[in-house]
Structures are given as structure tokens and as C-alpha cells.
Amino acid sequence: MTTEATDPVSRAGPRTLAWQRRRRSAARFWALYRTHRAGLLGLAALALFALVALTAPLTVGSDVTSVTGAPGRPMESPSGEFPLGTDRFGRNLLGLVVWGSRVSLLVGLLAAVLSVAIGAVVGITAGHFRGACSTVLMRITDWFLVMPTLVLAIALATVLSRSLGTVVLAIGVTTWPTTARLVRAQTLAVESRPYIERAHALGGGHWHVMSRHVLPNVMPLVLAQTTLMVSSSVLAEATLAFLGLGDPSVVSWGGLLQDAREAGAVSSGDWWYLVPPGIAIACVALAFTLCGRTVEAVLNPRLGLAR
């Protein structure tokens, strides 16, 4: 004689159970993450920068970038009216730094996502398919590793049109090899487990194994690598903009440093033109690094990172 199950868990479908497991995993992750003071400090800093970037149209307005409507005289020192002084066109530097956060953060995030996506695809493919396919992919990865990343990015940014898309592409396609090697190593470890053998025995194809079994197991590594790559991408965007390879029609932190160099702020001692965007770049890079290191420590406790 059979009886109908009354337990809500037993009546739940596979999709519901999967979401319940994800929520429990997220709760455990947050409980461990908030025990790391450095990670909480980095997360608070990122939340502040994100708030500043999102509210920039309301706080400073898009007219802050206008050259013709500049409210001050060129190269004014900090004052009550202009807390960070003015640039060579007489624009408010505080407003420019706030507005530039939108471009710098956006380019950094998009470039990091592109870089990690390319690295994850190459790493999973090379780890799953052995033989000639893996050898070719790893030799290409090694070639990108030994080539100077900045030189490749400069070459791409020079050949293509000067736009934000070009900067994202230049950073993304030159910084993926490290992620590819890490993901490949993790894929090889996952592929050696018994349940992968059972999946093959039950008729699971390559796509099924890679998407249903390998990808979920390498996602924590991909997430940690993404947070670490954002800081590198922000620095790379600032470097390309400082070298004059960014989009001249937009304001970014690297672009402000380039304007300061062209205006002779270094030789004339106009520190207020250089220090604010430089500190903003350093703080964002440090915040993402703290978050990335904490994510690594939570997902892999054997790292033993300090709290």
C-alpha cells in the first residue's frame, strides 16, 4: 500500500530543490565572507564607488564635461568653490573625477568579464578534450603568456578605432591566459572524479559533461578570478587612456591623468590635477583585490588567508 508524501520537501520538484540548495550555498558563502574584515572593507568601498558612479548624473550632471561651459579659470588650485581645483579648461575636477568613475568602472568590469569568459572557455575545452586539441590551445595560451600584455593591448588599440569598445576588446583578449591555465587545471581535477566516468557511461556527451558537471565545479574559481581581474582591467584602462589610446570623447580617470600630463601639471607642481584620479584608481584596484582575495579564501579555505 502506498501513501502520498506530505513532506513539502518530498513534494518539491527538482528545480525547486536546486534553488533551495543555491540559496543555502549563498547563505553559507555570505556567513563565511563577513568573517573577513578585509573583504568587508573592500566590499564597502566598492559599494561606495558604485553609488557614486550610478548617481553621477544626479550629483554632478553631464554638463560637467563641457569645455565651453567651464565654470572656472584654467588650473585653479583647490578652493571652497572647487574642492579639487580645476583642469586646464577650467572644469571642476571633483565633478570630473565623479563622472569618470562611470567609464573606468564600466570598462574594468566589461574587460574582466570578457577576459575571464575567454579563459574559462579555453580552459574547460583544453581540459576536457585531450590530445591535439589540448596541445594546440595550450601552446596558444603560452604564446599569449610570454608576450607583453601591455604591448599587445597597445597594438590592438592602435590598429582599431579609438572607442571604449576597442579598449574593452584590447584588455579582454590579452589578459585571459592566466585564467585559462587555472581553469584547465581545475577541469582536469574534476574530470578525474568517478561521477564523470558514470556520466560518460550513461551516454552523456561532451556538451553535457562540460556544462552540467565541469562548469558548476569551476564556477567558484571563475568568480574569484573575475573579482581579481577587474582591478587589473581598471589599471589597464587607465594605462591605455594615459598613453592617449582611449576614447577622447569620454572622461575617465586615466584620461584625466593624460590631460594633466599634457597640461604640464607634473612640471608645474599642480598636484590637484594628478592626485585625485590617481588615488581613485588605486582605491578601486585595492578594493577589488581585497574582495577577490576574500572570495578565494572562502571558496578555498586551504589558502589560509588572514582575516
C-alpha atoms as a PDB file:
ATOM      1  CA  MET A   1       0.000   0.000   0.000  1.00  0.00           C
ATOM      2  CA  THR A   2       1.424   3.426  -0.963  1.00  0.00           C
ATOM      3  CA  THR A   3       0.728   6.703   0.771  1.00  0.00           C
ATOM      4  CA  GLU A   4       1.070  10.183  -0.658  1.00  0.00           C
ATOM      5  CA  ALA A   5       4.022  12.090   0.717  1.00  0.00           C
ATOM      6  CA  THR A   6       3.050  15.050   2.886  1.00  0.00           C
ATOM      7  CA  ASP A   7       6.535  16.454   3.421  1.00  0.00           C
ATOM      8  CA  PRO A   8       6.916  19.723   1.438  1.00  0.00           C
ATOM      9  CA  VAL A   9      10.494  18.779   0.562  1.00  0.00           C
ATOM     10  CA  SER A  10       9.419  15.469  -0.915  1.00  0.00           C
ATOM     11  CA  ARG A  11       6.693  17.197  -2.975  1.00  0.00           C
ATOM     12  CA  ALA A  12       9.113  19.816  -4.357  1.00  0.00           C
ATOM     13  CA  GLY A  13      10.350  19.375  -7.881  1.00  0.00           C
ATOM     14  CA  PRO A  14      13.989  19.150  -8.941  1.00  0.00           C
ATOM     15  CA  ARG A  15      14.099  22.822  -9.919  1.00  0.00           C
ATOM     16  CA  THR A  16      12.791  23.912  -6.518  1.00  0.00           C
ATOM     17  CA  LEU A  17      15.293  21.708  -4.724  1.00  0.00           C
ATOM     18  CA  ALA A  18      18.104  23.120  -6.867  1.00  0.00           C
ATOM     19  CA  TRP A  19      17.130  26.693  -5.969  1.00  0.00           C
ATOM     20  CA  GLN A  20      16.937  25.758  -2.291  1.00  0.00           C
ATOM     21  CA  ARG A  21      20.464  24.356  -2.458  1.00  0.00           C
ATOM     22  CA  ARG A  22      21.691  27.517  -4.181  1.00  0.00           C
ATOM     23  CA  ARG A  23      20.118  29.727  -1.513  1.00  0.00           C
ATOM     24  CA  ARG A  24      21.708  27.666   1.256  1.00  0.00           C
ATOM     25  CA  SER A  25      25.073  27.840  -0.505  1.00  0.00           C
ATOM     26  CA  ALA A  26      24.762  31.611  -0.900  1.00  0.00           C
ATOM     27  CA  ALA A  27      23.868  31.958   2.798  1.00  0.00           C
ATOM     28  CA  ARG A  28      26.891  29.865   3.809  1.00  0.00           C
ATOM     29  CA  PHE A  29      29.119  31.903   1.487  1.00  0.00           C
ATOM     30  CA  TRP A  30      27.972  35.197   2.993  1.00  0.00           C
ATOM     31  CA  ALA A  31      28.312  33.870   6.547  1.00  0.00           C
ATOM     32  CA  LEU A  32      31.954  32.985   5.839  1.00  0.00           C
ATOM     33  CA  TYR A  33      32.655  36.124   3.806  1.00  0.00           C
ATOM     34  CA  ARG A  34      31.565  38.525   6.529  1.00  0.00           C
ATOM     35  CA  THR A  35      34.087  36.980   8.954  1.00  0.00           C
ATOM     36  CA  HIS A  36      36.888  38.544   6.869  1.00  0.00           C
ATOM     37  CA  ARG A  37      37.361  42.196   7.813  1.00  0.00           C
ATOM     38  CA  ALA A  38      39.448  42.975   4.724  1.00  0.00           C
ATOM     39  CA  GLY A  39      36.744  41.586   2.454  1.00  0.00           C
ATOM     40  CA  LEU A  40      34.043  43.643   4.157  1.00  0.00           C
ATOM     41  CA  LEU A  41      36.195  46.763   3.845  1.00  0.00           C
ATOM     42  CA  GLY A  42      36.716  46.111   0.134  1.00  0.00           C
ATOM     43  CA  LEU A  43      33.007  45.425  -0.392  1.00  0.00           C
ATOM     44  CA  ALA A  44      32.034  48.638   1.411  1.00  0.00           C
ATOM     45  CA  ALA A  45      34.477  50.629  -0.727  1.00  0.00           C
ATOM     46  CA  LEU A  46      33.108  49.065  -3.922  1.00  0.00           C
ATOM     47  CA  ALA A  47      29.550  49.818  -2.842  1.00  0.00           C
ATOM     48  CA  LEU A  48      30.547  53.453  -2.261  1.00  0.00           C
ATOM     49  CA  PHE A  49      32.228  53.738  -5.671  1.00  0.00           C
ATOM     50  CA  ALA A  50      29.245  52.081  -7.368  1.00  0.00           C
ATOM     51  CA  LEU A  51      26.866  54.506  -5.634  1.00  0.00           C
ATOM     52  CA  VAL A  52      28.980  57.469  -6.726  1.00  0.00           C
ATOM     53  CA  ALA A  53      29.078  56.215 -10.327  1.00  0.00           C
ATOM     54  CA  LEU A  54      25.347  55.476 -10.519  1.00  0.00           C
ATOM     55  CA  THR A  55      24.297  58.793  -9.009  1.00  0.00           C
ATOM     56  CA  ALA A  56      26.784  60.900 -11.016  1.00  0.00           C
ATOM     57  CA  PRO A  57      24.094  62.184 -13.451  1.00  0.00           C
ATOM     58  CA  LEU A  58      22.144  63.490 -10.458  1.00  0.00           C
ATOM     59  CA  THR A  59      25.034  64.824  -8.345  1.00  0.00           C
ATOM     60  CA  VAL A  60      27.281  66.471 -10.955  1.00  0.00           C
ATOM     61  CA  GLY A  61      25.355  66.228 -14.235  1.00  0.00           C
ATOM     62  CA  SER A  62      26.654  65.522 -17.703  1.00  0.00           C
ATOM     63  CA  ASP A  63      27.425  69.208 -18.329  1.00  0.00           C
ATOM     64  CA  VAL A  64      30.445  68.898 -16.024  1.00  0.00           C
ATOM     65  CA  THR A  65      32.399  67.562 -19.026  1.00  0.00           C
ATOM     66  CA  SER A  66      31.577  70.567 -21.206  1.00  0.00           C
ATOM     67  CA  VAL A  67      34.638  72.591 -22.247  1.00  0.00           C
ATOM     68  CA  THR A  68      32.708  75.619 -23.492  1.00  0.00           C
ATOM     69  CA  GLY A  69      30.663  75.954 -20.297  1.00  0.00           C
ATOM     70  CA  ALA A  70      33.532  75.566 -17.824  1.00  0.00           C
ATOM     71  CA  PRO A  71      32.691  77.440 -14.592  1.00  0.00           C
ATOM     72  CA  GLY A  72      36.234  78.373 -13.527  1.00  0.00           C
ATOM     73  CA  ARG A  73      39.576  79.567 -14.768  1.00  0.00           C
ATOM     74  CA  PRO A  74      42.156  77.056 -16.069  1.00  0.00           C
ATOM     75  CA  MET A  75      44.340  75.333 -13.464  1.00  0.00           C
ATOM     76  CA  GLU A  76      42.802  76.921 -10.348  1.00  0.00           C
ATOM     77  CA  SER A  77      44.052  75.476  -7.078  1.00  0.00           C
ATOM     78  CA  PRO A  78      41.585  73.872  -4.614  1.00  0.00           C
ATOM     79  CA  SER A  79      39.188  76.334  -3.029  1.00  0.00           C
ATOM     80  CA  GLY A  80      35.774  76.463  -1.425  1.00  0.00           C
ATOM     81  CA  GLU A  81      34.092  76.669  -4.822  1.00  0.00           C
ATOM     82  CA  PHE A  82      36.257  73.963  -6.392  1.00  0.00           C
ATOM     83  CA  PRO A  83      37.399  71.497  -3.661  1.00  0.00           C
ATOM     84  CA  LEU A  84      39.792  69.714  -6.053  1.00  0.00           C
ATOM     85  CA  GLY A  85      40.613  72.689  -8.244  1.00  0.00           C
ATOM     86  CA  THR A  86      40.029  72.953 -11.983  1.00  0.00           C
ATOM     87  CA  ASP A  87      41.610  71.374 -15.048  1.00  0.00           C
ATOM     88  CA  ARG A  88      43.297  73.089 -17.990  1.00  0.00           C
ATOM     89  CA  PHE A  89      39.891  74.051 -19.401  1.00  0.00           C
ATOM     90  CA  GLY A  90      38.511  75.415 -16.121  1.00  0.00           C
ATOM     91  CA  ARG A  91      36.243  72.437 -15.430  1.00  0.00           C
ATOM     92  CA  ASN A  92      35.513  71.300 -11.881  1.00  0.00           C
ATOM     93  CA  LEU A  93      37.921  68.428 -11.163  1.00  0.00           C
ATOM     94  CA  LEU A  94      35.755  66.972  -8.395  1.00  0.00           C
ATOM     95  CA  GLY A  95      32.878  66.618 -10.842  1.00  0.00           C
ATOM     96  CA  LEU A  96      35.205  65.151 -13.483  1.00  0.00           C
ATOM     97  CA  VAL A  97      36.532  62.531 -11.052  1.00  0.00           C
ATOM     98  CA  VAL A  98      32.986  61.593 -10.070  1.00  0.00           C
ATOM     99  CA  TRP A  99      31.868  61.404 -13.704  1.00  0.00           C
ATOM    100  CA  GLY A 100      34.997  59.497 -14.735  1.00  0.00           C
ATOM    101  CA  SER A 101      34.163  56.726 -12.280  1.00  0.00           C
ATOM    102  CA  ARG A 102      31.345  55.635 -14.605  1.00  0.00           C
ATOM    103  CA  VAL A 103      33.659  54.947 -17.546  1.00  0.00           C
ATOM    104  CA  SER A 104      36.547  53.469 -15.544  1.00  0.00           C
ATOM    105  CA  LEU A 105      34.348  51.030 -13.607  1.00  0.00           C
ATOM    106  CA  LEU A 106      32.287  50.063 -16.656  1.00  0.00           C
ATOM    107  CA  VAL A 107      35.329  49.370 -18.822  1.00  0.00           C
ATOM    108  CA  GLY A 108      37.032  47.481 -15.996  1.00  0.00           C
ATOM    109  CA  LEU A 109      34.016  45.241 -15.397  1.00  0.00           C
ATOM    110  CA  LEU A 110      33.343  44.531 -19.075  1.00  0.00           C
ATOM    111  CA  ALA A 111      37.001  43.822 -19.844  1.00  0.00           C
ATOM    112  CA  ALA A 112      37.290  41.490 -16.842  1.00  0.00           C
ATOM    113  CA  VAL A 113      34.143  39.579 -17.820  1.00  0.00           C
ATOM    114  CA  LEU A 114      35.397  39.217 -21.404  1.00  0.00           C
ATOM    115  CA  SER A 115      38.837  38.084 -20.262  1.00  0.00           C
ATOM    116  CA  VAL A 116      37.512  35.516 -17.782  1.00  0.00           C
ATOM    117  CA  ALA A 117      34.914  34.250 -20.283  1.00  0.00           C
ATOM    118  CA  ILE A 118      37.586  33.603 -22.914  1.00  0.00           C
ATOM    119  CA  GLY A 119      39.873  31.995 -20.359  1.00  0.00           C
ATOM    120  CA  ALA A 120      37.105  29.774 -18.976  1.00  0.00           C
ATOM    121  CA  VAL A 121      36.065  28.528 -22.430  1.00  0.00           C
ATOM    122  CA  VAL A 122      39.649  27.802 -23.455  1.00  0.00           C
ATOM    123  CA  GLY A 123      40.487  26.190 -20.102  1.00  0.00           C
ATOM    124  CA  ILE A 124      37.437  23.912 -19.993  1.00  0.00           C
ATOM    125  CA  THR A 125      37.879  22.903 -23.632  1.00  0.00           C
ATOM    126  CA  ALA A 126      41.583  22.159 -23.198  1.00  0.00           C
ATOM    127  CA  GLY A 127      40.956  20.195 -20.001  1.00  0.00           C
ATOM    128  CA  HIS A 128      38.089  18.152 -21.419  1.00  0.00           C
ATOM    129  CA  PHE A 129      39.446  17.339 -24.863  1.00  0.00           C
ATOM    130  CA  ARG A 130      42.833  15.704 -24.582  1.00  0.00           C
ATOM    131  CA  GLY A 131      45.401  15.174 -27.307  1.00  0.00           C
ATOM    132  CA  ALA A 132      45.986  17.559 -30.204  1.00  0.00           C
ATOM    133  CA  CYS A 133      43.165  19.945 -29.272  1.00  0.00           C
ATOM    134  CA  SER A 134      44.523  20.495 -25.773  1.00  0.00           C
ATOM    135  CA  THR A 135      48.088  20.845 -27.056  1.00  0.00           C
ATOM    136  CA  VAL A 136      47.176  23.498 -29.632  1.00  0.00           C
ATOM    137  CA  LEU A 137      45.095  25.521 -27.157  1.00  0.00           C
ATOM    138  CA  MET A 138      47.824  25.418 -24.508  1.00  0.00           C
ATOM    139  CA  ARG A 139      50.536  26.469 -26.981  1.00  0.00           C
ATOM    140  CA  ILE A 140      48.377  29.452 -27.996  1.00  0.00           C
ATOM    141  CA  THR A 141      47.893  30.241 -24.307  1.00  0.00           C
ATOM    142  CA  ASP A 142      51.641  30.025 -23.685  1.00  0.00           C
ATOM    143  CA  TRP A 143      52.269  32.388 -26.594  1.00  0.00           C
ATOM    144  CA  PHE A 144      49.940  34.987 -25.085  1.00  0.00           C
ATOM    145  CA  LEU A 145      51.555  34.469 -21.670  1.00  0.00           C
ATOM    146  CA  VAL A 146      55.090  35.213 -22.851  1.00  0.00           C
ATOM    147  CA  MET A 147      54.040  38.208 -24.931  1.00  0.00           C
ATOM    148  CA  PRO A 148      53.900  41.523 -23.026  1.00  0.00           C
ATOM    149  CA  THR A 149      50.233  42.186 -22.310  1.00  0.00           C
ATOM    150  CA  LEU A 150      50.567  45.956 -22.489  1.00  0.00           C
ATOM    151  CA  VAL A 151      52.317  45.796 -25.861  1.00  0.00           C
ATOM    152  CA  LEU A 152      49.554  43.624 -27.340  1.00  0.00           C
ATOM    153  CA  ALA A 153      46.862  45.887 -25.909  1.00  0.00           C
ATOM    154  CA  ILE A 154      48.584  48.972 -27.316  1.00  0.00           C
ATOM    155  CA  ALA A 155      48.886  47.295 -30.738  1.00  0.00           C
ATOM    156  CA  LEU A 156      45.176  46.443 -30.808  1.00  0.00           C
ATOM    157  CA  ALA A 157      44.124  49.863 -29.543  1.00  0.00           C
ATOM    158  CA  THR A 158      46.320  51.496 -32.196  1.00  0.00           C
ATOM    159  CA  VAL A 159      45.025  49.420 -35.118  1.00  0.00           C
ATOM    160  CA  LEU A 160      41.333  49.667 -34.213  1.00  0.00           C
ATOM    161  CA  SER A 161      39.245  52.799 -33.820  1.00  0.00           C
ATOM    162  CA  ARG A 162      39.596  54.771 -30.592  1.00  0.00           C
ATOM    163  CA  SER A 163      36.495  53.873 -28.588  1.00  0.00           C
ATOM    164  CA  LEU A 164      35.501  52.243 -25.314  1.00  0.00           C
ATOM    165  CA  GLY A 165      34.687  49.017 -27.157  1.00  0.00           C
ATOM    166  CA  THR A 166      38.227  48.912 -28.521  1.00  0.00           C
ATOM    167  CA  VAL A 167      39.684  49.382 -25.028  1.00  0.00           C
ATOM    168  CA  VAL A 168      37.491  46.581 -23.634  1.00  0.00           C
ATOM    169  CA  LEU A 169      38.463  44.294 -26.515  1.00  0.00           C
ATOM    170  CA  ALA A 170      42.160  45.123 -26.202  1.00  0.00           C
ATOM    171  CA  ILE A 171      42.210  44.336 -22.488  1.00  0.00           C
ATOM    172  CA  GLY A 172      39.955  41.272 -22.697  1.00  0.00           C
ATOM    173  CA  VAL A 173      41.793  39.437 -25.489  1.00  0.00           C
ATOM    174  CA  THR A 174      45.230  39.971 -23.953  1.00  0.00           C
ATOM    175  CA  THR A 175      44.657  39.066 -20.288  1.00  0.00           C
ATOM    176  CA  TRP A 176      42.839  35.704 -20.479  1.00  0.00           C
ATOM    177  CA  PRO A 177      45.778  33.182 -20.464  1.00  0.00           C
ATOM    178  CA  THR A 178      46.188  33.089 -16.670  1.00  0.00           C
ATOM    179  CA  THR A 179      42.509  32.261 -16.238  1.00  0.00           C
ATOM    180  CA  ALA A 180      42.738  29.592 -18.957  1.00  0.00           C
ATOM    181  CA  ARG A 181      45.570  27.755 -17.216  1.00  0.00           C
ATOM    182  CA  LEU A 182      43.849  27.889 -13.816  1.00  0.00           C
ATOM    183  CA  VAL A 183      40.532  26.665 -15.229  1.00  0.00           C
ATOM    184  CA  ARG A 184      42.261  23.884 -17.205  1.00  0.00           C
ATOM    185  CA  ALA A 185      43.961  22.607 -14.049  1.00  0.00           C
ATOM    186  CA  GLN A 186      40.645  22.610 -12.187  1.00  0.00           C
ATOM    187  CA  THR A 187      38.921  20.910 -15.137  1.00  0.00           C
ATOM    188  CA  LEU A 188      41.493  18.100 -15.135  1.00  0.00           C
ATOM    189  CA  ALA A 189      40.866  17.584 -11.397  1.00  0.00           C
ATOM    190  CA  VAL A 190      37.087  17.460 -11.927  1.00  0.00           C
ATOM    191  CA  GLU A 191      37.347  15.134 -14.941  1.00  0.00           C
ATOM    192  CA  SER A 192      39.230  12.558 -12.845  1.00  0.00           C
ATOM    193  CA  ARG A 193      36.313  12.087 -10.429  1.00  0.00           C
ATOM    194  CA  PRO A 194      34.162   8.936 -10.588  1.00  0.00           C
ATOM    195  CA  TYR A 195      30.852  10.661 -11.346  1.00  0.00           C
ATOM    196  CA  ILE A 196      32.295  11.981 -14.623  1.00  0.00           C
ATOM    197  CA  GLU A 197      33.013   8.387 -15.616  1.00  0.00           C
ATOM    198  CA  ARG A 198      29.444   7.421 -14.738  1.00  0.00           C
ATOM    199  CA  ALA A 199      28.102  10.330 -16.804  1.00  0.00           C
ATOM    200  CA  HIS A 200      30.073   9.080 -19.829  1.00  0.00           C
ATOM    201  CA  ALA A 201      28.860   5.504 -19.204  1.00  0.00           C
ATOM    202  CA  LEU A 202      25.230   6.670 -19.106  1.00  0.00           C
ATOM    203  CA  GLY A 203      25.600   8.295 -22.520  1.00  0.00           C
ATOM    204  CA  GLY A 204      26.431  11.864 -21.552  1.00  0.00           C
ATOM    205  CA  GLY A 205      28.041  13.735 -24.428  1.00  0.00           C
ATOM    206  CA  HIS A 206      30.827  16.280 -24.334  1.00  0.00           C
ATOM    207  CA  TRP A 207      28.498  19.262 -24.024  1.00  0.00           C
ATOM    208  CA  HIS A 208      26.515  17.607 -21.219  1.00  0.00           C
ATOM    209  CA  VAL A 209      29.633  16.799 -19.213  1.00  0.00           C
ATOM    210  CA  MET A 210      31.220  20.224 -19.696  1.00  0.00           C
ATOM    211  CA  SER A 211      28.061  22.253 -18.995  1.00  0.00           C
ATOM    212  CA  ARG A 212      26.400  20.135 -16.302  1.00  0.00           C
ATOM    213  CA  HIS A 213      29.375  18.725 -14.398  1.00  0.00           C
ATOM    214  CA  VAL A 214      32.584  20.626 -15.154  1.00  0.00           C
ATOM    215  CA  LEU A 215      31.296  24.208 -15.386  1.00  0.00           C
ATOM    216  CA  PRO A 216      29.479  24.253 -11.994  1.00  0.00           C
ATOM    217  CA  ASN A 217      32.635  22.949 -10.318  1.00  0.00           C
ATOM    218  CA  VAL A 218      34.925  25.565 -11.858  1.00  0.00           C
ATOM    219  CA  MET A 219      32.495  28.479 -11.362  1.00  0.00           C
ATOM    220  CA  PRO A 220      33.849  29.359  -7.877  1.00  0.00           C
ATOM    221  CA  LEU A 221      37.318  29.692  -9.375  1.00  0.00           C
ATOM    222  CA  VAL A 222      35.918  31.759 -12.254  1.00  0.00           C
ATOM    223  CA  LEU A 223      34.108  34.056  -9.803  1.00  0.00           C
ATOM    224  CA  ALA A 224      37.232  34.624  -7.729  1.00  0.00           C
ATOM    225  CA  GLN A 225      39.304  35.236 -10.853  1.00  0.00           C
ATOM    226  CA  THR A 226      36.766  37.771 -12.121  1.00  0.00           C
ATOM    227  CA  THR A 227      36.976  39.891  -8.983  1.00  0.00           C
ATOM    228  CA  LEU A 228      40.760  39.854  -9.194  1.00  0.00           C
ATOM    229  CA  MET A 229      40.775  40.660 -12.906  1.00  0.00           C
ATOM    230  CA  VAL A 230      38.613  43.768 -12.500  1.00  0.00           C
ATOM    231  CA  SER A 231      41.388  45.581 -10.632  1.00  0.00           C
ATOM    232  CA  SER A 232      43.883  44.700 -13.374  1.00  0.00           C
ATOM    233  CA  SER A 233      41.412  45.819 -16.036  1.00  0.00           C
ATOM    234  CA  VAL A 234      40.831  49.185 -14.335  1.00  0.00           C
ATOM    235  CA  LEU A 235      44.589  49.738 -14.202  1.00  0.00           C
ATOM    236  CA  ALA A 236      44.964  48.653 -17.835  1.00  0.00           C
ATOM    237  CA  GLU A 237      42.219  51.061 -18.940  1.00  0.00           C
ATOM    238  CA  ALA A 238      43.905  53.878 -17.062  1.00  0.00           C
ATOM    239  CA  THR A 239      47.243  52.991 -18.685  1.00  0.00           C
ATOM    240  CA  LEU A 240      45.807  52.963 -22.207  1.00  0.00           C
ATOM    241  CA  ALA A 241      43.968  56.233 -21.587  1.00  0.00           C
ATOM    242  CA  PHE A 242      47.121  57.779 -20.123  1.00  0.00           C
ATOM    243  CA  LEU A 243      49.007  56.776 -23.285  1.00  0.00           C
ATOM    244  CA  GLY A 244      46.373  58.535 -25.378  1.00  0.00           C
ATOM    245  CA  LEU A 245      44.780  55.343 -26.729  1.00  0.00           C
ATOM    246  CA  GLY A 246      41.386  55.719 -25.051  1.00  0.00           C
ATOM    247  CA  ASP A 247      38.259  57.387 -26.335  1.00  0.00           C
ATOM    248  CA  PRO A 248      38.963  61.145 -26.345  1.00  0.00           C
ATOM    249  CA  SER A 249      35.256  61.974 -26.246  1.00  0.00           C
ATOM    250  CA  VAL A 250      34.685  60.491 -22.767  1.00  0.00           C
ATOM    251  CA  VAL A 251      36.081  61.319 -19.341  1.00  0.00           C
ATOM    252  CA  SER A 252      37.842  58.598 -17.382  1.00  0.00           C
ATOM    253  CA  TRP A 253      40.403  58.567 -14.579  1.00  0.00           C
ATOM    254  CA  GLY A 254      43.166  57.568 -16.960  1.00  0.00           C
ATOM    255  CA  GLY A 255      42.053  60.272 -19.367  1.00  0.00           C
ATOM    256  CA  LEU A 256      42.317  62.873 -16.597  1.00  0.00           C
ATOM    257  CA  LEU A 257      45.898  61.789 -15.929  1.00  0.00           C
ATOM    258  CA  GLN A 258      46.623  62.103 -19.646  1.00  0.00           C
ATOM    259  CA  ASP A 259      45.143  65.625 -19.660  1.00  0.00           C
ATOM    260  CA  ALA A 260      47.249  66.509 -16.617  1.00  0.00           C
ATOM    261  CA  ARG A 261      50.416  65.314 -18.347  1.00  0.00           C
ATOM    262  CA  GLU A 262      49.627  67.283 -21.495  1.00  0.00           C
ATOM    263  CA  ALA A 263      48.879  70.395 -19.404  1.00  0.00           C
ATOM    264  CA  GLY A 264      52.299  70.146 -17.700  1.00  0.00           C
ATOM    265  CA  ALA A 265      50.849  69.543 -14.248  1.00  0.00           C
ATOM    266  CA  VAL A 266      53.849  67.427 -13.257  1.00  0.00           C
ATOM    267  CA  SER A 267      56.493  70.067 -14.016  1.00  0.00           C
ATOM    268  CA  SER A 268      54.422  72.981 -12.708  1.00  0.00           C
ATOM    269  CA  GLY A 269      53.531  71.230  -9.435  1.00  0.00           C
ATOM    270  CA  ASP A 270      49.755  71.270  -9.923  1.00  0.00           C
ATOM    271  CA  TRP A 271      49.244  68.240  -7.662  1.00  0.00           C
ATOM    272  CA  TRP A 272      45.444  68.596  -7.508  1.00  0.00           C
ATOM    273  CA  TYR A 273      45.285  67.655 -11.188  1.00  0.00           C
ATOM    274  CA  LEU A 274      47.160  64.364 -10.657  1.00  0.00           C
ATOM    275  CA  VAL A 275      46.433  63.106  -7.159  1.00  0.00           C
ATOM    276  CA  PRO A 276      42.585  62.681  -7.101  1.00  0.00           C
ATOM    277  CA  PRO A 277      42.248  60.401 -10.176  1.00  0.00           C
ATOM    278  CA  GLY A 278      45.369  58.503  -9.157  1.00  0.00           C
ATOM    279  CA  ILE A 279      44.017  57.867  -5.654  1.00  0.00           C
ATOM    280  CA  ALA A 280      40.641  56.820  -7.120  1.00  0.00           C
ATOM    281  CA  ILE A 281      42.334  54.252  -9.397  1.00  0.00           C
ATOM    282  CA  ALA A 282      44.421  52.898  -6.521  1.00  0.00           C
ATOM    283  CA  CYS A 283      41.428  52.640  -4.157  1.00  0.00           C
ATOM    284  CA  VAL A 284      39.246  50.792  -6.690  1.00  0.00           C
ATOM    285  CA  ALA A 285      42.062  48.386  -7.558  1.00  0.00           C
ATOM    286  CA  LEU A 286      42.723  47.730  -3.859  1.00  0.00           C
ATOM    287  CA  ALA A 287      39.023  47.211  -3.106  1.00  0.00           C
ATOM    288  CA  PHE A 288      38.584  44.645  -5.887  1.00  0.00           C
ATOM    289  CA  THR A 289      41.785  42.890  -4.814  1.00  0.00           C
ATOM    290  CA  LEU A 290      40.563  42.639  -1.213  1.00  0.00           C
ATOM    291  CA  CYS A 291      37.226  41.233  -2.374  1.00  0.00           C
ATOM    292  CA  GLY A 292      38.894  38.785  -4.746  1.00  0.00           C
ATOM    293  CA  ARG A 293      41.308  37.512  -2.115  1.00  0.00           C
ATOM    294  CA  THR A 294      38.443  37.066   0.348  1.00  0.00           C
ATOM    295  CA  VAL A 295      36.360  35.176  -2.207  1.00  0.00           C
ATOM    296  CA  GLU A 296      39.345  32.889  -2.806  1.00  0.00           C
ATOM    297  CA  ALA A 297      39.737  32.317   0.933  1.00  0.00           C
ATOM    298  CA  VAL A 298      36.040  31.480   1.358  1.00  0.00           C
ATOM    299  CA  LEU A 299      35.851  29.142  -1.633  1.00  0.00           C
ATOM    300  CA  ASN A 300      39.205  27.505  -0.877  1.00  0.00           C
ATOM    301  CA  PRO A 301      39.840  27.585   2.910  1.00  0.00           C
ATOM    302  CA  ARG A 302      43.158  25.762   2.428  1.00  0.00           C
ATOM    303  CA  LEU A 303      44.665  29.057   1.250  1.00  0.00           C
ATOM    304  CA  GLY A 304      44.678  30.142   4.877  1.00  0.00           C
ATOM    305  CA  LEU A 305      44.420  33.872   4.151  1.00  0.00           C
ATOM    306  CA  ALA A 306      44.423  36.188   7.118  1.00  0.00           C
ATOM    307  CA  ARG A 307      41.166  37.672   8.325  1.00  0.00           C
END
